[in-house]
């Protein structure tokens, strides 16, 4: 059976808008895995080794950072109060 090879160029500006939300998430995961993006660019982490409790804390912040639209006004106020206390 003969084998054929083809090359198709797809511009990023054409590709990304046609992706579903799941495909965008997969793309972001792939970019993180290959070192093109930080795991969570909103939480800057020093390069030094972190303790178990600090890792757990940063993991919790990472989960919370993706839940803005799920939070109540009271929960957002708590986060704003914490931010204002430690900035």
N, C-alpha and C. Protein backbone atom coordinates (compact mmCIF):
# COMPACT_ATOMS: atom_id res chain seq x y z
N UNK A 1 0.86 -1.17 0.00
CA UNK A 1 0.00 0.00 0.00
C UNK A 1 0.90 1.23 0.00
N UNK A 2 0.66 2.19 -0.86
CA UNK A 2 1.50 3.39 -0.89
C UNK A 2 1.23 4.26 0.34
N UNK A 3 2.25 4.98 0.76
CA UNK A 3 2.13 5.90 1.88
C UNK A 3 2.22 7.33 1.38
N UNK A 4 1.40 8.21 1.95
CA UNK A 4 1.39 9.61 1.58
C UNK A 4 1.66 10.45 2.81
N UNK A 5 2.35 11.52 2.58
CA UNK A 5 2.63 12.45 3.65
C UNK A 5 2.09 13.81 3.24
N UNK A 6 1.47 14.50 4.16
CA UNK A 6 0.97 15.84 3.84
C UNK A 6 1.26 16.78 5.00
N UNK A 7 1.27 18.05 4.70
CA UNK A 7 1.53 19.07 5.69
C UNK A 7 0.46 20.13 5.55
N UNK A 8 -0.20 20.43 6.64
CA UNK A 8 -1.24 21.46 6.64
C UNK A 8 -0.85 22.50 7.68
N UNK A 9 -0.75 23.74 7.24
CA UNK A 9 -0.45 24.84 8.15
C UNK A 9 -1.76 25.44 8.64
N UNK A 10 -1.91 25.49 9.95
CA UNK A 10 -3.09 26.12 10.55
C UNK A 10 -2.60 27.23 11.45
N UNK A 11 -3.04 28.45 11.17
CA UNK A 11 -2.65 29.59 11.97
C UNK A 11 -3.30 29.50 13.34
N UNK A 12 -2.58 29.89 14.38
CA UNK A 12 -3.08 29.83 15.75
C UNK A 12 -4.37 30.62 15.89
N UNK A 13 -4.45 31.78 15.22
CA UNK A 13 -5.64 32.61 15.30
C UNK A 13 -6.86 31.94 14.69
N UNK A 14 -6.65 30.96 13.83
CA UNK A 14 -7.76 30.20 13.26
C UNK A 14 -8.07 28.97 14.12
N UNK A 15 -7.04 28.40 14.71
CA UNK A 15 -7.18 27.16 15.46
C UNK A 15 -7.85 27.35 16.82
N UNK A 16 -7.33 28.28 17.61
CA UNK A 16 -7.79 28.44 18.99
C UNK A 16 -9.27 28.82 19.10
N UNK A 17 -9.77 29.78 18.33
CA UNK A 17 -11.19 30.12 18.46
C UNK A 17 -12.14 28.98 18.12
N UNK A 18 -11.66 28.01 17.34
CA UNK A 18 -12.54 26.90 16.98
C UNK A 18 -12.51 25.77 18.01
N UNK A 19 -11.69 25.90 19.06
CA UNK A 19 -11.58 24.86 20.08
C UNK A 19 -12.72 24.98 21.10
N UNK A 20 -13.11 23.82 21.62
CA UNK A 20 -14.10 23.80 22.70
C UNK A 20 -13.40 24.16 24.01
N UNK A 21 -14.16 24.37 25.06
CA UNK A 21 -13.58 24.67 26.38
C UNK A 21 -12.66 23.55 26.84
N UNK A 22 -13.07 22.31 26.62
CA UNK A 22 -12.24 21.15 27.01
C UNK A 22 -10.94 21.14 26.21
N UNK A 23 -11.01 21.42 24.93
CA UNK A 23 -9.81 21.44 24.10
C UNK A 23 -8.86 22.57 24.52
N UNK A 24 -9.42 23.72 24.91
CA UNK A 24 -8.59 24.82 25.40
C UNK A 24 -7.89 24.41 26.68
N UNK A 25 -8.62 23.74 27.59
CA UNK A 25 -8.02 23.26 28.84
C UNK A 25 -6.90 22.27 28.53
N UNK A 26 -7.14 21.35 27.59
CA UNK A 26 -6.11 20.39 27.20
C UNK A 26 -4.89 21.09 26.60
N UNK A 27 -5.14 22.13 25.80
CA UNK A 27 -4.04 22.90 25.21
C UNK A 27 -3.22 23.58 26.30
N UNK A 28 -3.89 24.18 27.27
CA UNK A 28 -3.19 24.83 28.38
C UNK A 28 -2.38 23.81 29.17
N UNK A 29 -2.98 22.65 29.46
CA UNK A 29 -2.25 21.59 30.18
C UNK A 29 -1.01 21.16 29.40
N UNK A 30 -1.14 21.06 28.08
CA UNK A 30 -0.01 20.67 27.23
C UNK A 30 1.09 21.73 27.28
N UNK A 31 0.70 23.01 27.22
CA UNK A 31 1.68 24.10 27.27
C UNK A 31 2.39 24.13 28.62
N UNK A 32 1.67 23.85 29.69
CA UNK A 32 2.28 23.77 31.02
C UNK A 32 3.26 22.60 31.07
N UNK A 33 2.81 21.46 30.57
CA UNK A 33 3.64 20.25 30.60
C UNK A 33 4.95 20.44 29.84
N UNK A 34 4.91 21.19 28.75
CA UNK A 34 6.11 21.40 27.94
C UNK A 34 6.90 22.65 28.35
N UNK A 35 6.49 23.29 29.47
CA UNK A 35 7.25 24.39 30.02
C UNK A 35 7.01 25.74 29.37
N UNK A 36 5.96 25.88 28.57
CA UNK A 36 5.67 27.15 27.91
C UNK A 36 4.84 28.08 28.80
N UNK A 37 4.17 27.53 29.81
CA UNK A 37 3.37 28.30 30.75
C UNK A 37 3.68 27.83 32.16
N UNK A 38 3.52 28.74 33.12
CA UNK A 38 3.62 28.34 34.53
C UNK A 38 2.34 27.63 34.91
N UNK A 39 2.42 26.74 35.91
CA UNK A 39 1.24 26.02 36.34
C UNK A 39 0.14 26.97 36.78
N UNK A 40 0.48 27.94 37.60
CA UNK A 40 -0.49 28.95 38.01
C UNK A 40 0.22 30.29 38.00
N UNK A 41 0.05 31.07 36.93
CA UNK A 41 0.78 32.33 36.84
C UNK A 41 0.35 33.36 37.87
N UNK A 42 -0.77 33.13 38.57
CA UNK A 42 -1.25 34.09 39.56
C UNK A 42 -0.57 33.89 40.90
N UNK A 43 0.01 32.72 41.12
CA UNK A 43 0.70 32.44 42.37
C UNK A 43 2.18 32.30 42.07
N UNK A 44 2.96 33.35 42.31
CA UNK A 44 4.40 33.32 42.06
C UNK A 44 5.07 32.52 43.17
N UNK A 45 5.84 31.54 42.75
CA UNK A 45 6.47 30.66 43.73
C UNK A 45 7.98 30.75 43.60
N UNK A 46 8.67 30.90 44.72
CA UNK A 46 10.13 30.90 44.65
C UNK A 46 10.64 29.52 44.23
N UNK A 47 11.85 29.49 43.72
CA UNK A 47 12.43 28.24 43.23
C UNK A 47 12.86 27.30 44.36
N UNK A 48 12.95 27.82 45.58
CA UNK A 48 13.41 27.00 46.70
C UNK A 48 12.39 25.91 47.05
N UNK A 49 12.84 24.89 47.74
CA UNK A 49 11.98 23.77 48.15
C UNK A 49 10.97 24.26 49.16
N UNK A 50 9.74 23.81 48.97
CA UNK A 50 8.66 24.21 49.87
C UNK A 50 8.32 23.06 50.82
N UNK A 51 7.81 23.43 51.97
CA UNK A 51 7.38 22.42 52.92
C UNK A 51 6.03 21.84 52.53
N UNK A 52 5.63 20.79 53.19
CA UNK A 52 4.37 20.10 52.90
C UNK A 52 3.18 21.02 53.09
N UNK A 53 3.18 21.79 54.18
CA UNK A 53 2.05 22.68 54.45
C UNK A 53 1.97 23.82 53.43
N UNK A 54 3.15 24.32 53.01
CA UNK A 54 3.15 25.38 52.00
C UNK A 54 2.65 24.85 50.65
N UNK A 55 3.06 23.64 50.28
CA UNK A 55 2.57 23.02 49.05
C UNK A 55 1.05 22.85 49.10
N UNK A 56 0.54 22.41 50.24
CA UNK A 56 -0.91 22.23 50.41
C UNK A 56 -1.62 23.58 50.29
N UNK A 57 -1.06 24.61 50.92
CA UNK A 57 -1.63 25.95 50.88
C UNK A 57 -1.68 26.47 49.44
N UNK A 58 -0.58 26.32 48.70
CA UNK A 58 -0.53 26.79 47.31
C UNK A 58 -1.50 26.00 46.43
N UNK A 59 -1.66 24.73 46.72
CA UNK A 59 -2.64 23.93 45.99
C UNK A 59 -4.06 24.44 46.22
N UNK A 60 -4.35 24.82 47.44
CA UNK A 60 -5.68 25.37 47.76
C UNK A 60 -5.89 26.70 47.05
N UNK A 61 -4.86 27.55 47.04
CA UNK A 61 -4.97 28.82 46.32
C UNK A 61 -5.20 28.59 44.83
N UNK A 62 -4.56 27.58 44.28
CA UNK A 62 -4.72 27.25 42.87
C UNK A 62 -6.16 26.86 42.57
N UNK A 63 -6.76 26.05 43.43
CA UNK A 63 -8.16 25.64 43.23
C UNK A 63 -9.08 26.85 43.34
N UNK A 64 -8.87 27.67 44.35
CA UNK A 64 -9.71 28.85 44.57
C UNK A 64 -9.60 29.81 43.38
N UNK A 65 -8.41 29.93 42.80
CA UNK A 65 -8.20 30.90 41.72
C UNK A 65 -9.07 30.61 40.51
N UNK A 66 -9.52 29.39 40.34
CA UNK A 66 -10.37 29.05 39.21
C UNK A 66 -11.85 29.04 39.53
N UNK A 67 -12.25 29.50 40.70
CA UNK A 67 -13.65 29.41 41.13
C UNK A 67 -14.34 30.75 41.29
N UNK A 68 -13.82 31.79 40.69
CA UNK A 68 -14.38 33.14 40.88
C UNK A 68 -15.88 33.17 40.62
N UNK A 69 -16.32 32.60 39.51
CA UNK A 69 -17.74 32.69 39.15
C UNK A 69 -18.63 31.77 39.99
N UNK A 70 -18.04 30.91 40.78
CA UNK A 70 -18.82 30.04 41.65
C UNK A 70 -18.98 30.59 43.05
N UNK A 71 -18.27 31.66 43.36
CA UNK A 71 -18.25 32.19 44.72
C UNK A 71 -19.40 33.16 44.97
N UNK A 72 -19.83 33.15 46.23
CA UNK A 72 -20.86 34.09 46.67
C UNK A 72 -20.20 35.44 46.95
N UNK A 73 -21.02 36.46 47.11
CA UNK A 73 -20.49 37.78 47.45
C UNK A 73 -19.76 37.76 48.79
N UNK A 74 -20.28 36.98 49.73
CA UNK A 74 -19.64 36.88 51.05
C UNK A 74 -18.26 36.24 50.94
N UNK A 75 -18.14 35.19 50.13
CA UNK A 75 -16.84 34.53 49.96
C UNK A 75 -15.84 35.47 49.29
N UNK A 76 -16.29 36.21 48.30
CA UNK A 76 -15.41 37.18 47.64
C UNK A 76 -14.98 38.27 48.62
N UNK A 77 -15.88 38.68 49.50
CA UNK A 77 -15.54 39.69 50.50
C UNK A 77 -14.47 39.16 51.47
N UNK A 78 -14.58 37.89 51.86
CA UNK A 78 -13.57 37.28 52.74
C UNK A 78 -12.20 37.31 52.06
N UNK A 79 -12.16 36.95 50.79
CA UNK A 79 -10.89 36.96 50.06
C UNK A 79 -10.35 38.38 49.94
N UNK A 80 -11.22 39.32 49.65
CA UNK A 80 -10.78 40.73 49.57
C UNK A 80 -10.24 41.22 50.90
N UNK A 81 -10.87 40.83 52.00
CA UNK A 81 -10.39 41.22 53.33
C UNK A 81 -9.01 40.62 53.61
N UNK A 82 -8.82 39.36 53.25
CA UNK A 82 -7.50 38.73 53.42
C UNK A 82 -6.44 39.44 52.59
N UNK A 83 -6.80 39.74 51.35
CA UNK A 83 -5.87 40.46 50.48
C UNK A 83 -5.48 41.81 51.08
N UNK A 84 -6.47 42.56 51.53
CA UNK A 84 -6.20 43.88 52.10
C UNK A 84 -5.37 43.79 53.36
N UNK A 85 -5.53 42.73 54.12
CA UNK A 85 -4.76 42.56 55.35
C UNK A 85 -3.28 42.29 55.06
N UNK A 86 -2.97 41.53 54.01
CA UNK A 86 -1.60 41.08 53.78
C UNK A 86 -0.88 41.79 52.62
N UNK A 87 -1.51 42.74 51.99
CA UNK A 87 -0.80 43.40 50.87
C UNK A 87 0.18 44.41 51.34
